[in-house]
Protein backbone atom coordinates (compact mmCIF):
# COMPACT_ATOMS: atom_id res chain seq x y z
CA MET A 1 -55.93 -40.42 -11.10
CA TRP A 2 -56.63 -36.70 -11.09
CA ALA A 3 -58.85 -34.86 -8.60
CA VAL A 4 -59.61 -31.23 -7.87
CA ALA A 5 -60.24 -30.17 -4.26
CA PHE A 6 -62.43 -27.10 -3.73
CA THR A 7 -61.92 -26.11 -0.09
CA THR A 8 -63.04 -23.23 2.08
CA ALA A 9 -60.34 -23.90 4.70
CA PRO A 10 -57.15 -25.98 4.96
CA ALA A 11 -57.75 -29.73 4.91
CA THR A 12 -56.14 -33.11 4.32
CA VAL A 13 -57.15 -34.97 1.16
CA VAL A 14 -56.49 -38.69 0.66
CA LEU A 15 -56.66 -40.20 -2.84
CA LYS A 16 -56.66 -43.96 -3.38
CA CYS A 17 -56.73 -45.98 -6.60
CA GLY A 18 -56.19 -49.67 -6.00
CA SER A 19 -52.82 -50.03 -4.25
CA SER A 20 -51.79 -46.45 -5.10
CA SER A 21 -52.51 -43.72 -2.54
CA ASN A 22 -51.26 -40.38 -1.31
CA THR A 23 -52.18 -37.85 1.37
CA PHE A 24 -52.13 -34.14 0.57
CA SER A 25 -52.31 -31.06 2.78
CA VAL A 26 -54.28 -28.40 0.90
CA GLU A 27 -54.97 -24.75 1.63
CA SER A 28 -58.30 -23.03 1.01
CA GLY A 29 -59.11 -22.58 -2.65
CA VAL A 30 -58.75 -24.89 -5.64
CA THR A 31 -56.02 -27.56 -5.70
CA LYS A 32 -55.31 -30.08 -8.49
CA LEU A 33 -54.05 -33.45 -7.18
CA LYS A 34 -52.86 -36.65 -8.83
CA ILE A 35 -51.67 -40.16 -8.05
CA PRO A 36 -50.61 -43.05 -10.30
CA LEU A 37 -53.40 -45.31 -11.54
CA SER A 38 -53.53 -48.83 -10.14
CA PRO A 39 -56.25 -51.45 -10.73
CA GLY A 40 -58.98 -51.39 -8.08
CA LYS A 41 -61.47 -49.11 -6.36
CA MET A 42 -61.08 -45.33 -6.39
CA THR A 43 -61.62 -43.41 -3.14
CA VAL A 44 -61.37 -39.79 -2.07
CA GLN A 45 -61.43 -38.57 1.53
CA MET A 46 -61.26 -35.07 2.99
CA ILE A 47 -60.40 -34.51 6.64
CA ARG A 48 -60.61 -31.23 8.49
CA ASN A 49 -60.03 -30.70 12.22
CA GLY A 50 -59.88 -34.46 12.76
CA GLN A 51 -63.31 -35.06 11.18
CA ARG A 52 -63.78 -36.91 7.90
CA ILE A 53 -66.07 -34.62 5.91
CA VAL A 54 -65.85 -36.51 2.60
CA ASP A 55 -65.45 -40.28 2.20
CA TYR A 56 -66.50 -41.39 -1.26
CA THR A 57 -65.95 -44.60 -3.22
CA PRO A 58 -68.24 -44.88 -6.26
CA ASP A 59 -70.48 -47.96 -6.23
CA GLY A 60 -70.18 -50.24 -9.22
CA TYR A 61 -66.90 -48.79 -10.52
CA THR A 62 -63.48 -50.42 -10.46
CA TYR A 63 -60.53 -49.15 -12.48
CA ILE A 64 -59.04 -51.86 -14.70
CA THR A 65 -56.03 -51.66 -17.01
CA ASN A 66 -57.29 -53.95 -19.77
CA PRO A 67 -61.04 -53.53 -20.33
CA THR A 68 -62.71 -55.96 -22.71
CA THR A 69 -65.41 -53.44 -23.65
CA CYS A 70 -65.55 -49.66 -23.78
CA GLY A 71 -68.91 -49.35 -22.02
CA HIS A 72 -71.12 -46.70 -23.60
CA PHE A 73 -68.36 -44.74 -25.30
CA THR A 74 -66.78 -44.99 -28.71
CA ASN A 75 -63.07 -44.28 -28.99
CA PHE A 76 -61.69 -42.54 -32.06
C-alpha cells in the first residue's frame, strides 16, 4: 500500500492494510510511504501533538488478493 503525506508540521502517520501496519515519523512537506499489502481494511491515521487529526478507513472497500471480478475497470 502506498500513501503520500502532505504535512505542514512534523507528525506521526500510521498505515494499516489488513494485518500489515507501520508507524512513520514524518517532517513537514511531502513524504511517500509504503507497507506490504495484506487482505483486509485499509486505514490511515495522522497524529500531531497527541491529537489524531486524520483517521480514515474507506467504507465499502476491503483489499482482497484474489478478486472474482474487476469491478468497473477493464485490464489490458
